[in-house]
């Protein structure tokens, strides 16, 4: 009898074990069902639920690894026979974002003119970009080449060119130099065959990759591809990309400045672009780069003939130098020299500080001296504080003496503590009531310097105080950059002050982190701090902050780590 009971219990356990349902919390359960055509739909439903649970959980790295090792090979195995579930596979792979999925994404990167294939390509590109799957680079390049040869593959009633744009963004996010040749081809397309948004994305991608072989394509695209005058147009994108490449791009940009870049000259002639515009474009690029190696040539190209007294102005034949054109080029070069911030430029800038009396170039010269700093800059600005004035044929009489208080601001920014007394003396020579009232707005910055002297920590306290006077914070940033040059943490602190509520100070906060660090230094925290403000204010930022946005993008291009994500700056 006892043997019979034991035998019966054993049989019950065996039968119970045999009837037990597979565990829905194990990937194997759903993977096995996916491999079977009869249970495939049920398998995907279960896998989707399990994957969502995994992704919602904290500390899920082990489970995500398990998905990668078990589910991805199964997707690759059944892809060709599971067309109905292909989009579901791509959704799951995009959600998990693992580079091991490259073989599956590569199978999805096929265009045949159908809307379905197009959708799958875009879903795959999303996943590849998220995971930075280097295993898909060659396949993206291959498909890009196909579309360049046959643009109709990327046609759509609602978003023509979208696939090419996403491909450029994806290649830029991965940052693999293998993509440079095809991205250069993208830059060389005309707007008849490719939307300009694709050019912009390709320029940004080339900047992210940072390969100097792209410099010519970035310089010529502005003159080949017409675009609207916005803060994200192709010219701006190319400039930011060149700022990211940095020093290796300088020789080609200087060629352009001299008028020796053959491809640029040919395109400019074909499209009716005058030489001064080429020079101004080149100077603006050099300023965005912030490289001292360009200073001597920039100074050499700065027009100075009309900075001389009227009787001494040089003439070309029977006609005087085109004053307006000279002032325009001088303003752009002064701006570039200011952003480079090398004291070698001070003498040339000082020679034109007060001679033109035209705010169009006089203000940029004063501003540049403020950024450059040093004894010479302060001395020149002090002379403007004492006697500067604008031509009343150009400005209304109420603003005749505006250079005096503008010069005072820049002099305070340029000054070390030992220079402050001379600035106060220059300011005291003014007796006009309006001028003295305007000069008083810089008192907080002067007081800060007299209090902190050479104490970096004292300046840092004001820099970080969101309730402090905006000019005090701007001066504090200059002093932190001077006293702690090369210090990444201090550059991060200045970046965090980018939200300061003054458009001029905001330019300073955007520029100084790049200026104070050695070229090639990465500062992801600086980028994150600035980008956070841009993201938070996207769509609501006042137009007066536009210049600071442009400067911020150039700085972020130069400081962004090679493995960092791009910002939402479109």
Protein backbone atom coordinates (compact mmCIF):
# COMPACT_ATOMS: atom_id res chain seq x y z
CA UNK A 1 0.00 0.00 0.00
CA UNK A 2 2.82 2.42 0.93
CA UNK A 3 4.56 1.80 -2.42
CA UNK A 4 1.35 2.64 -4.23
CA UNK A 5 1.02 6.02 -2.41
CA UNK A 6 4.64 7.01 -3.17
CA UNK A 7 4.21 6.02 -6.81
CA UNK A 8 1.01 8.07 -7.07
CA UNK A 9 2.67 11.18 -5.51
CA UNK A 10 5.63 10.90 -7.87
CA UNK A 11 3.33 10.64 -10.87
CA UNK A 12 1.37 13.72 -9.71
CA UNK A 13 4.58 15.80 -9.35
CA UNK A 14 5.76 14.76 -12.78
CA UNK A 15 2.42 15.62 -14.37
CA UNK A 16 2.30 18.93 -12.46
CA UNK A 17 5.78 19.84 -13.63
CA UNK A 18 4.95 18.90 -17.19
CA UNK A 19 1.82 21.12 -17.18
CA UNK A 20 3.50 24.14 -15.57
CA UNK A 21 3.29 27.31 -17.71
CA UNK A 22 6.61 28.84 -18.89
CA UNK A 23 7.72 31.78 -16.72
CA UNK A 24 6.57 35.08 -18.33
CA UNK A 25 9.35 36.90 -16.45
CA UNK A 26 12.05 35.11 -18.39
CA UNK A 27 13.22 36.27 -21.80
CA UNK A 28 13.63 32.66 -22.95
CA UNK A 29 9.87 32.13 -22.69
CA UNK A 30 9.06 34.82 -25.25
CA UNK A 31 12.11 34.25 -27.44
CA UNK A 32 11.13 30.62 -28.01
CA UNK A 33 7.61 31.67 -28.98
CA UNK A 34 8.98 34.33 -31.36
CA UNK A 35 10.99 31.69 -33.19
CA UNK A 36 7.85 29.67 -33.85
CA UNK A 37 5.56 31.14 -36.52
CA UNK A 38 2.47 29.76 -34.76
CA UNK A 39 3.24 31.47 -31.43
CA UNK A 40 5.16 34.50 -32.74
CA UNK A 41 2.45 37.11 -32.11
CA UNK A 42 1.96 35.87 -28.55
CA UNK A 43 5.74 35.95 -28.07
CA UNK A 44 6.04 39.58 -29.10
CA UNK A 45 3.15 40.61 -26.85
CA UNK A 46 4.84 38.97 -23.87
CA UNK A 47 8.29 40.31 -24.75
CA UNK A 48 6.95 43.84 -25.08
CA UNK A 49 5.39 43.67 -21.60
CA UNK A 50 8.54 42.22 -20.06
CA UNK A 51 10.80 44.77 -21.78
CA UNK A 52 8.67 47.67 -20.54
CA UNK A 53 8.89 46.30 -17.00
CA UNK A 54 12.66 46.00 -17.32
CA UNK A 55 13.12 49.52 -18.67
CA UNK A 56 10.88 50.99 -15.96
CA UNK A 57 12.88 49.28 -13.23
CA UNK A 58 15.87 50.80 -11.48
CA UNK A 59 19.28 49.11 -11.65
CA UNK A 60 18.23 47.05 -14.64
CA UNK A 61 21.58 46.72 -16.38
CA UNK A 62 21.74 42.94 -16.00
CA UNK A 63 18.27 42.49 -17.47
CA UNK A 64 19.03 44.81 -20.38
CA UNK A 65 22.18 42.77 -21.01
CA UNK A 66 20.00 39.66 -21.03
CA UNK A 67 17.69 41.23 -23.61
CA UNK A 68 20.71 41.99 -25.79
CA UNK A 69 22.09 38.45 -25.60
CA UNK A 70 18.79 36.60 -26.00
CA UNK A 71 16.25 38.73 -27.88
CA UNK A 72 18.45 40.47 -30.42
CA UNK A 73 19.81 37.23 -31.99
CA UNK A 74 16.23 35.95 -32.22
CA UNK A 75 15.14 39.12 -34.05
CA UNK A 76 18.00 38.72 -36.49
CA UNK A 77 17.03 35.08 -37.06
CA UNK A 78 13.34 35.70 -37.81
CA UNK A 79 13.55 39.13 -39.49
CA UNK A 80 13.04 37.91 -43.04
CA UNK A 81 10.04 35.71 -42.23
CA UNK A 82 8.36 38.04 -39.69
CA UNK A 83 7.50 41.07 -41.81
CA UNK A 84 4.37 41.81 -39.77
CA UNK A 85 6.45 42.15 -36.62
CA UNK A 86 9.39 44.09 -38.08
CA UNK A 87 8.17 47.46 -36.83
CA UNK A 88 7.60 45.95 -33.39
CA UNK A 89 11.16 44.64 -33.37
CA UNK A 90 12.46 48.09 -34.30
CA UNK A 91 10.36 49.71 -31.57
CA UNK A 92 11.76 47.35 -28.94
CA UNK A 93 15.33 47.77 -30.15
CA UNK A 94 14.97 51.56 -30.17
CA UNK A 95 13.60 51.49 -26.61
CA UNK A 96 16.48 49.35 -25.33
CA UNK A 97 19.11 51.21 -27.38
CA UNK A 98 21.90 48.63 -27.49
CA UNK A 99 24.60 48.71 -30.23
CA UNK A 100 24.42 44.91 -30.53
CA UNK A 101 21.24 45.47 -32.53
CA UNK A 102 23.23 46.78 -35.51
CA UNK A 103 22.69 43.59 -37.61
CA UNK A 104 18.92 43.96 -37.28
CA UNK A 105 18.96 47.71 -37.95
CA UNK A 106 21.15 47.11 -40.99
CA UNK A 107 18.52 44.80 -42.45
CA UNK A 108 15.94 47.56 -41.99
CA UNK A 109 18.08 50.13 -43.86
CA UNK A 110 16.54 49.46 -47.27
CA UNK A 111 14.46 51.85 -49.39
CA UNK A 112 12.23 50.69 -52.23
CA UNK A 113 9.99 53.72 -52.63
CA UNK A 114 7.30 52.46 -50.26
CA UNK A 115 6.10 54.33 -47.19
CA UNK A 116 6.57 51.20 -45.09
CA UNK A 117 10.25 50.83 -45.95
CA UNK A 118 10.80 54.54 -45.33
CA UNK A 119 9.22 54.27 -41.88
CA UNK A 120 11.40 51.31 -40.95
CA UNK A 121 14.54 53.13 -42.07
CA UNK A 122 13.70 56.10 -39.85
CA UNK A 123 12.91 53.83 -36.90
CA UNK A 124 16.22 52.05 -37.38
CA UNK A 125 18.11 55.35 -37.58
CA UNK A 126 16.54 56.44 -34.30
CA UNK A 127 17.83 53.30 -32.63
CA UNK A 128 21.27 53.53 -34.20
CA UNK A 129 21.62 57.16 -33.11
CA UNK A 130 20.50 56.39 -29.56
CA UNK A 131 22.91 53.50 -29.17
CA UNK A 132 25.72 54.98 -31.33
CA UNK A 133 25.97 51.64 -33.08
CA UNK A 134 29.24 51.77 -35.01
CA UNK A 135 28.30 48.48 -36.64
CA UNK A 136 25.75 50.34 -38.75
CA UNK A 137 28.04 53.07 -40.09
CA UNK A 138 28.98 51.30 -43.30
CA UNK A 139 25.37 50.38 -44.04
CA UNK A 140 24.23 53.99 -43.51
CA UNK A 141 26.99 55.20 -45.83
CA UNK A 142 25.94 52.64 -48.45
CA UNK A 143 22.31 53.77 -48.30
CA UNK A 144 23.37 57.43 -48.35
CA UNK A 145 25.31 56.83 -51.55
CA UNK A 146 22.24 55.20 -53.10
CA UNK A 147 20.05 58.19 -52.25
CA UNK A 148 22.62 60.70 -53.51
CA UNK A 149 22.61 58.82 -56.82
CA UNK A 150 18.80 58.60 -56.80
CA UNK A 151 17.27 61.37 -54.61
CA UNK A 152 13.74 60.15 -55.41
CA UNK A 153 14.32 57.35 -52.90
CA UNK A 154 13.96 60.00 -50.20
CA UNK A 155 10.90 61.73 -51.62
CA UNK A 156 7.80 62.23 -49.51
CA UNK A 157 4.74 64.45 -49.68
CA UNK A 158 5.24 65.66 -46.13
CA UNK A 159 8.95 65.36 -45.28
CA UNK A 160 11.16 65.06 -48.36
CA UNK A 161 14.80 64.70 -47.37
CA UNK A 162 13.93 63.48 -43.87
CA UNK A 163 15.85 60.23 -44.26
CA UNK A 164 19.00 62.03 -45.44
CA UNK A 165 18.71 64.50 -42.56
CA UNK A 166 18.37 61.68 -40.03
CA UNK A 167 21.30 59.84 -41.57
CA UNK A 168 23.52 62.92 -41.18
CA UNK A 169 22.39 63.38 -37.58
CA UNK A 170 23.04 59.71 -36.84
CA UNK A 171 26.51 59.71 -38.38
CA UNK A 172 27.34 62.85 -36.42
CA UNK A 173 26.16 61.27 -33.16
CA UNK A 174 28.34 58.20 -33.77
CA UNK A 175 31.30 60.41 -34.72
CA UNK A 176 33.04 57.88 -36.94
CA UNK A 177 35.50 59.36 -39.47
CA UNK A 178 34.43 56.77 -42.05
CA UNK A 179 31.37 58.96 -42.63
CA UNK A 180 33.33 62.07 -43.64
CA UNK A 181 33.57 61.40 -47.41
CA UNK A 182 29.84 60.83 -47.84
CA UNK A 183 28.99 63.83 -45.67
CA UNK A 184 31.25 65.96 -47.85
CA UNK A 185 29.29 64.72 -50.88
CA UNK A 186 26.10 65.74 -49.09
CA UNK A 187 27.53 69.24 -48.59
CA UNK A 188 28.29 69.46 -52.31
CA UNK A 189 24.70 68.85 -53.43
CA UNK A 190 22.56 71.64 -54.81
CA UNK A 191 19.22 72.73 -53.39
CA UNK A 192 17.58 71.35 -56.53
CA UNK A 193 18.44 67.81 -55.44
CA UNK A 194 18.50 68.20 -51.67
CA UNK A 195 16.72 70.34 -49.05
CA UNK A 196 19.03 72.81 -47.31
CA UNK A 197 18.10 71.29 -43.93
CA UNK A 198 20.15 68.25 -44.98
CA UNK A 199 23.16 70.49 -45.69
CA UNK A 200 22.80 71.97 -42.21
CA UNK A 201 22.65 68.54 -40.57
CA UNK A 202 25.69 67.37 -42.55
CA UNK A 203 27.66 70.47 -41.51
CA UNK A 204 26.81 69.86 -37.87
CA UNK A 205 27.81 66.21 -38.20
CA UNK A 206 31.17 67.13 -39.74
CA UNK A 207 31.80 69.45 -36.81
CA UNK A 208 30.99 66.65 -34.38
CA UNK A 209 33.42 64.31 -36.15
CA UNK A 210 36.07 67.04 -36.36
CA UNK A 211 38.03 65.74 -39.34
CA UNK A 212 40.11 68.49 -41.04
CA UNK A 213 39.47 66.95 -44.47
CA UNK A 214 36.00 68.53 -44.30
CA UNK A 215 37.27 72.12 -44.09
CA UNK A 216 37.00 72.94 -47.80
CA UNK A 217 33.44 71.62 -47.96
CA UNK A 218 32.48 73.71 -44.93
CA UNK A 219 34.02 76.86 -46.40
CA UNK A 220 32.42 76.52 -49.83
CA UNK A 221 28.92 75.46 -48.82
CA UNK A 222 27.97 78.99 -47.72
CA UNK A 223 28.62 80.25 -51.23
CA UNK A 224 27.04 77.28 -52.98
CA UNK A 225 23.81 76.83 -51.03
CA UNK A 226 21.44 79.77 -50.50
CA UNK A 227 19.71 79.80 -47.13
CA UNK A 228 17.51 82.10 -45.07
CA UNK A 229 19.28 84.52 -42.68
CA UNK A 230 18.55 82.67 -39.43
CA UNK A 231 20.59 81.57 -36.43
CA UNK A 232 20.60 77.99 -37.74
CA UNK A 233 21.28 78.59 -41.43
CA UNK A 234 23.99 76.78 -43.35
CA UNK A 235 26.52 79.57 -42.86
CA UNK A 236 26.09 79.43 -39.09
CA UNK A 237 26.26 75.64 -39.06
CA UNK A 238 29.44 75.67 -41.13
CA UNK A 239 31.03 78.27 -38.86
CA UNK A 240 30.22 76.24 -35.74
CA UNK A 241 31.65 73.12 -37.37
CA UNK A 242 34.86 74.96 -38.20
CA UNK A 243 35.03 76.23 -34.61
CA UNK A 244 34.87 72.59 -33.51
CA UNK A 245 37.67 71.56 -35.87
CA UNK A 246 39.76 74.50 -34.65
CA UNK A 247 43.44 75.02 -35.40
CA UNK A 248 43.74 72.54 -38.30
CA UNK A 249 41.21 74.65 -40.25
CA UNK A 250 43.10 77.94 -39.87
CA UNK A 251 45.33 77.75 -43.01
CA UNK A 252 42.32 77.24 -45.31
CA UNK A 253 40.34 80.03 -43.65
CA UNK A 254 43.32 82.38 -44.03
CA UNK A 255 43.46 81.41 -47.70
CA UNK A 256 39.85 82.50 -47.95
CA UNK A 257 40.61 85.77 -46.15
CA UNK A 258 43.38 86.54 -48.66
CA UNK A 259 41.19 85.68 -51.63
CA UNK A 260 43.39 82.67 -52.46
CA UNK A 261 40.84 79.91 -51.90
CA UNK A 262 40.10 79.03 -55.50
CA UNK A 263 36.84 77.15 -54.96
CA UNK A 264 35.42 79.92 -52.76
CA UNK A 265 36.45 82.59 -55.24
CA UNK A 266 34.85 80.71 -58.14
CA UNK A 267 31.57 80.19 -56.30
CA UNK A 268 31.50 83.78 -55.08
CA UNK A 269 32.06 85.09 -58.60
CA UNK A 270 29.38 82.78 -59.98
CA UNK A 271 26.86 83.96 -57.38
CA UNK A 272 27.79 87.63 -57.35
CA UNK A 273 29.28 87.71 -53.84
CA UNK A 274 31.64 90.72 -53.42
CA UNK A 275 35.13 90.28 -52.00
CA UNK A 276 34.45 92.20 -48.74
CA UNK A 277 31.72 89.66 -47.91
CA UNK A 278 34.21 86.81 -48.38
CA UNK A 279 36.69 88.57 -46.10
CA UNK A 280 34.05 89.28 -43.47
CA UNK A 281 32.92 85.64 -43.54
CA UNK A 282 36.49 84.42 -43.09
CA UNK A 283 37.13 86.87 -40.25
CA UNK A 284 33.94 85.78 -38.50
CA UNK A 285 35.02 82.13 -38.72
CA UNK A 286 38.45 82.93 -37.27
CA UNK A 287 36.78 84.77 -34.41
CA UNK A 288 34.54 81.78 -33.72
CA UNK A 289 37.62 79.55 -33.62
CA UNK A 290 39.39 81.85 -31.15
CA UNK A 291 42.86 80.94 -32.43
CA UNK A 292 45.78 83.30 -31.81
CA UNK A 293 47.66 82.06 -34.88
CA UNK A 294 45.28 84.13 -37.04
CA UNK A 295 45.86 87.46 -35.26
CA UNK A 296 48.69 88.82 -37.41
CA UNK A 297 46.86 88.25 -40.70
CA UNK A 298 43.61 89.63 -39.34
CA UNK A 299 45.40 92.77 -38.20
CA UNK A 300 46.99 93.05 -41.63
CA UNK A 301 43.58 92.94 -43.30
CA UNK A 302 41.96 95.48 -41.01
CA UNK A 303 41.44 98.73 -42.99
CA UNK A 304 43.18 101.64 -41.28
CA UNK A 305 43.41 104.27 -44.04
CA UNK A 306 40.33 106.13 -42.89
CA UNK A 307 41.44 105.93 -39.25
CA UNK A 308 43.89 108.72 -40.06
CA UNK A 309 43.09 112.45 -39.92
CA UNK A 310 41.20 113.57 -43.03
CA UNK A 311 44.25 115.17 -44.69
CA UNK A 312 46.25 111.98 -44.35
CA UNK A 313 43.70 109.53 -45.76
CA UNK A 314 45.06 107.49 -48.61
CA UNK A 315 43.32 107.57 -51.95
CA UNK A 316 42.82 105.02 -54.68
CA UNK A 317 43.21 106.95 -57.90
CA UNK A 318 40.99 109.99 -57.65
CA UNK A 319 38.58 108.46 -55.16
CA UNK A 320 38.81 108.04 -51.40
CA UNK A 321 38.67 104.57 -49.93
CA UNK A 322 35.11 103.36 -49.60
CA UNK A 323 34.57 104.45 -46.00
CA UNK A 324 31.42 102.39 -45.42
CA UNK A 325 33.01 99.19 -46.75
CA UNK A 326 36.14 99.81 -44.67
CA UNK A 327 34.10 100.40 -41.54
CA UNK A 328 32.13 97.20 -42.12
CA UNK A 329 35.22 95.04 -42.57
CA UNK A 330 36.99 96.77 -39.68
CA UNK A 331 34.02 96.04 -37.40
CA UNK A 332 34.00 92.34 -38.29
CA UNK A 333 37.77 92.01 -37.87
CA UNK A 334 37.68 93.88 -34.56
CA UNK A 335 34.94 91.55 -33.34
CA UNK A 336 37.02 88.52 -34.38
CA UNK A 337 40.13 89.89 -32.68
CA UNK A 338 38.14 90.50 -29.51
CA UNK A 339 36.90 86.92 -29.38
CA UNK A 340 40.43 85.64 -30.01
CA UNK A 341 41.52 87.85 -27.11
CA UNK A 342 45.24 88.20 -27.89
CA UNK A 343 46.97 91.40 -26.72
CA UNK A 344 48.97 91.50 -29.98
CA UNK A 345 45.91 93.11 -31.56
CA UNK A 346 45.68 96.02 -29.12
CA UNK A 347 47.92 98.46 -31.00
CA UNK A 348 46.03 98.14 -34.28
CA UNK A 349 42.67 98.47 -32.55
CA UNK A 350 43.78 101.47 -30.50
CA UNK A 351 44.82 103.28 -33.67
CA UNK A 352 41.18 103.35 -34.81
CA UNK A 353 39.44 103.74 -31.45
CA UNK A 354 38.31 107.35 -31.82
CA UNK A 355 39.20 108.35 -35.36
CA UNK A 356 36.05 107.32 -37.23
CA UNK A 357 33.36 108.47 -34.74
CA UNK A 358 31.11 105.91 -36.42
CA UNK A 359 29.30 103.60 -33.97
CA UNK A 360 29.30 100.88 -36.64
CA UNK A 361 32.99 100.21 -36.07
CA UNK A 362 33.87 102.30 -33.02
CA UNK A 363 31.70 100.20 -30.69
CA UNK A 364 33.09 96.82 -31.90
CA UNK A 365 36.64 98.16 -31.46
CA UNK A 366 35.92 99.23 -27.87
CA UNK A 367 34.21 95.93 -27.16
CA UNK A 368 37.18 94.01 -28.59
CA UNK A 369 39.62 95.93 -26.38
CA UNK A 370 37.42 95.08 -23.39
CA UNK A 371 37.66 91.37 -24.19
CA UNK A 372 41.41 91.49 -24.90
CA UNK A 373 42.27 93.35 -21.70
CA UNK A 374 45.69 94.45 -20.50
CA UNK A 375 47.41 97.79 -19.89
CA UNK A 376 47.26 98.95 -23.51
CA UNK A 377 43.54 98.24 -23.86
CA UNK A 378 42.70 100.04 -20.62
CA UNK A 379 44.82 103.05 -21.60
CA UNK A 380 43.06 103.38 -24.98
CA UNK A 381 39.62 102.99 -23.45
CA UNK A 382 40.43 105.62 -20.83
CA UNK A 383 41.01 108.12 -23.64
CA UNK A 384 37.56 107.34 -25.02
CA UNK A 385 36.05 107.80 -21.56
CA UNK A 386 37.54 111.27 -21.48
CA UNK A 387 36.83 112.48 -25.01
CA UNK A 388 34.94 109.90 -27.08
CA UNK A 389 31.98 110.95 -29.15
CA UNK A 390 29.93 109.82 -32.12
CA UNK A 391 29.33 111.84 -35.26
CA UNK A 392 25.98 113.59 -34.84
CA UNK A 393 25.39 113.19 -38.55
CA UNK A 394 25.17 109.46 -37.83
CA UNK A 395 23.52 109.39 -34.38
CA UNK A 396 21.08 111.76 -32.69
CA UNK A 397 22.70 114.34 -30.45
CA UNK A 398 21.44 112.67 -27.23
CA UNK A 399 23.83 109.79 -27.92
CA UNK A 400 26.82 111.87 -28.96
CA UNK A 401 28.72 110.92 -25.78
CA UNK A 402 27.56 107.31 -25.58
CA UNK A 403 31.09 106.01 -26.36
CA UNK A 404 32.23 107.37 -23.01
CA UNK A 405 30.03 105.14 -20.88
CA UNK A 406 30.42 102.18 -23.24
CA UNK A 407 34.20 102.59 -23.03
CA UNK A 408 33.95 102.71 -19.24
CA UNK A 409 32.17 99.37 -19.16
CA UNK A 410 34.78 97.76 -21.38
CA UNK A 411 37.64 99.36 -19.49
CA UNK A 412 36.37 97.91 -16.20
CA UNK A 413 36.08 94.49 -17.81
CA UNK A 414 39.59 94.79 -19.28
CA UNK A 415 41.19 96.06 -16.07
CA UNK A 416 43.17 94.24 -13.45
CA UNK A 417 42.83 95.64 -9.91
CA UNK A 418 45.88 97.85 -10.47
CA UNK A 419 44.14 99.63 -13.39
CA UNK A 420 40.93 100.60 -11.62
CA UNK A 421 42.26 103.89 -10.25
CA UNK A 422 43.09 105.16 -13.76
CA UNK A 423 39.57 104.33 -14.95
CA UNK A 424 38.03 106.24 -12.06
CA UNK A 425 40.23 109.22 -12.89
CA UNK A 426 39.14 109.14 -16.54
CA UNK A 427 35.49 108.90 -15.52
CA UNK A 428 35.88 111.89 -13.17
CA UNK A 429 36.86 114.17 -16.06
CA UNK A 430 33.28 114.06 -17.34
CA UNK A 431 31.02 116.87 -16.14
CA UNK A 432 28.00 116.31 -18.39
CA UNK A 433 25.11 115.25 -16.14
CA UNK A 434 23.84 112.51 -18.44
CA UNK A 435 27.32 111.07 -18.94
CA UNK A 436 28.01 110.94 -15.20
CA UNK A 437 24.64 109.28 -14.64
CA UNK A 438 25.42 106.62 -17.26
CA UNK A 439 28.92 106.05 -15.91
CA UNK A 440 27.49 105.31 -12.46
CA UNK A 441 25.98 102.03 -13.71
CA UNK A 442 29.46 100.47 -13.64
CA UNK A 443 30.14 101.38 -10.00
CA UNK A 444 29.16 97.93 -8.77
CA UNK A 445 31.85 96.32 -10.93
CA UNK A 446 34.46 98.78 -9.72
CA UNK A 447 33.50 98.16 -6.09
CA UNK A 448 33.78 94.41 -6.66
CA UNK A 449 37.36 94.74 -7.93
CA UNK A 450 38.34 97.05 -5.08
CA UNK A 451 36.89 94.53 -2.62
CA UNK A 452 38.14 91.24 -4.10
CA UNK A 453 41.44 92.42 -5.58
CA UNK A 454 43.27 89.16 -6.51
CA UNK A 455 41.00 86.81 -4.54
CA UNK A 456 39.45 84.34 -6.97
CA UNK A 457 37.11 82.88 -4.36
CA UNK A 458 35.69 86.35 -3.70
CA UNK A 459 34.86 86.76 -7.40
CA UNK A 460 33.40 83.25 -7.57
CA UNK A 461 30.96 84.13 -4.81
CA UNK A 462 29.54 87.02 -6.86
CA UNK A 463 29.61 84.99 -10.07
CA UNK A 464 27.38 82.36 -8.49
CA UNK A 465 24.99 84.85 -6.87
CA UNK A 466 21.93 84.99 -9.14
CA UNK A 467 20.67 88.06 -7.26
CA UNK A 468 23.85 90.07 -7.75
CA UNK A 469 24.08 93.04 -10.13
CA UNK A 470 24.52 91.68 -13.68
CA UNK A 471 27.61 93.81 -14.35
CA UNK A 472 29.23 92.63 -11.12
CA UNK A 473 28.70 89.05 -12.25
CA UNK A 474 30.14 89.81 -15.69
CA UNK A 475 33.24 91.40 -14.15
CA UNK A 476 33.51 88.49 -11.73
CA UNK A 477 33.53 86.10 -14.71
CA UNK A 478 36.38 88.01 -16.34
CA UNK A 479 38.41 87.88 -13.14
CA UNK A 480 37.74 84.19 -12.53
CA UNK A 481 38.86 83.47 -16.12
CA UNK A 482 42.01 85.57 -15.60
CA UNK A 483 42.96 84.22 -12.19
CA UNK A 484 42.09 80.58 -12.92
CA UNK A 485 42.95 80.29 -16.60
CA UNK A 486 42.94 76.69 -17.77
CA UNK A 487 40.83 75.46 -14.83
CA UNK A 488 37.92 73.37 -16.11
CA UNK A 489 35.90 73.68 -12.90
CA UNK A 490 36.06 77.47 -13.10
CA UNK A 491 34.99 77.35 -16.74
CA UNK A 492 32.03 75.26 -15.62
CA UNK A 493 31.13 77.88 -12.99
CA UNK A 494 31.10 80.61 -15.65
CA UNK A 495 28.96 78.41 -17.91
CA UNK A 496 26.43 78.02 -15.12
CA UNK A 497 26.14 81.83 -15.02
CA UNK A 498 25.02 81.87 -18.67
CA UNK A 499 21.45 82.49 -17.55
CA UNK A 500 22.35 86.00 -16.37
CA UNK A 501 19.56 88.39 -17.37
CA UNK A 502 21.52 90.75 -19.60
CA UNK A 503 22.25 90.03 -23.27
CA UNK A 504 25.78 91.50 -23.19
CA UNK A 505 26.78 89.65 -20.04
CA UNK A 506 25.34 86.47 -21.47
CA UNK A 507 27.71 86.71 -24.45
CA UNK A 508 30.56 86.97 -21.96
CA UNK A 509 29.40 83.87 -20.08
CA UNK A 510 29.15 81.98 -23.37
CA UNK A 511 32.58 83.07 -24.59
CA UNK A 512 34.86 82.92 -21.54
CA UNK A 513 34.71 79.14 -20.92
CA UNK A 514 36.19 78.50 -24.36
CA UNK A 515 38.61 81.41 -24.13
CA UNK A 516 40.08 80.44 -20.75
CA UNK A 517 40.68 76.79 -21.64
CA UNK A 518 43.44 75.46 -23.84
CA UNK A 519 42.27 74.56 -27.32
CA UNK A 520 41.25 70.92 -27.49
CA UNK A 521 40.09 70.82 -23.86
CA UNK A 522 36.74 69.12 -23.41
CA UNK A 523 34.22 70.39 -20.88
CA UNK A 524 31.02 68.39 -20.99
CA UNK A 525 29.71 70.10 -17.86
CA UNK A 526 30.18 73.50 -19.54
CA UNK A 527 28.20 72.31 -22.55
CA UNK A 528 25.46 70.82 -20.38
CA UNK A 529 25.09 74.03 -18.36
CA UNK A 530 24.75 76.25 -21.41
CA UNK A 531 22.58 73.80 -23.31
CA UNK A 532 20.29 73.50 -20.32
CA UNK A 533 19.51 77.21 -20.52
CA UNK A 534 18.96 77.04 -24.28
CA UNK A 535 16.63 74.07 -23.88
CA UNK A 536 14.68 75.69 -21.05
CA UNK A 537 14.22 78.93 -22.99
CA UNK A 538 13.61 77.41 -26.40
CA UNK A 539 10.67 79.11 -28.05
CA UNK A 540 10.45 81.81 -25.39
CA UNK A 541 13.85 83.50 -25.49
CA UNK A 542 13.81 87.23 -26.27
CA UNK A 543 15.37 88.16 -29.61
CA UNK A 544 17.89 90.40 -27.85
CA UNK A 545 19.68 87.24 -26.67
CA UNK A 546 20.26 85.99 -30.22
CA UNK A 547 23.94 86.98 -30.33
CA UNK A 548 24.61 85.08 -27.12
CA UNK A 549 22.95 81.98 -28.57
CA UNK A 550 25.25 82.07 -31.58
CA UNK A 551 28.31 82.52 -29.39
CA UNK A 552 27.11 79.72 -27.11
CA UNK A 553 26.83 77.29 -30.01
CA UNK A 554 30.37 78.08 -31.13
CA UNK A 555 31.68 77.52 -27.62
CA UNK A 556 29.73 74.28 -27.22
CA UNK A 557 31.05 73.04 -30.56
CA UNK A 558 34.61 73.58 -29.33
CA UNK A 559 34.14 72.15 -25.81
CA UNK A 560 31.72 69.26 -26.41
CA UNK A 561 33.25 65.85 -25.64
CA UNK A 562 33.48 63.58 -28.66
CA UNK A 563 31.12 61.03 -27.11
CA UNK A 564 28.46 63.54 -25.99
CA UNK A 565 24.96 63.91 -27.34
CA UNK A 566 24.10 67.00 -29.39
CA UNK A 567 21.73 69.62 -28.02
CA UNK A 568 18.24 70.55 -29.17
CA UNK A 569 19.26 73.83 -30.74
CA UNK A 570 17.24 73.81 -33.92
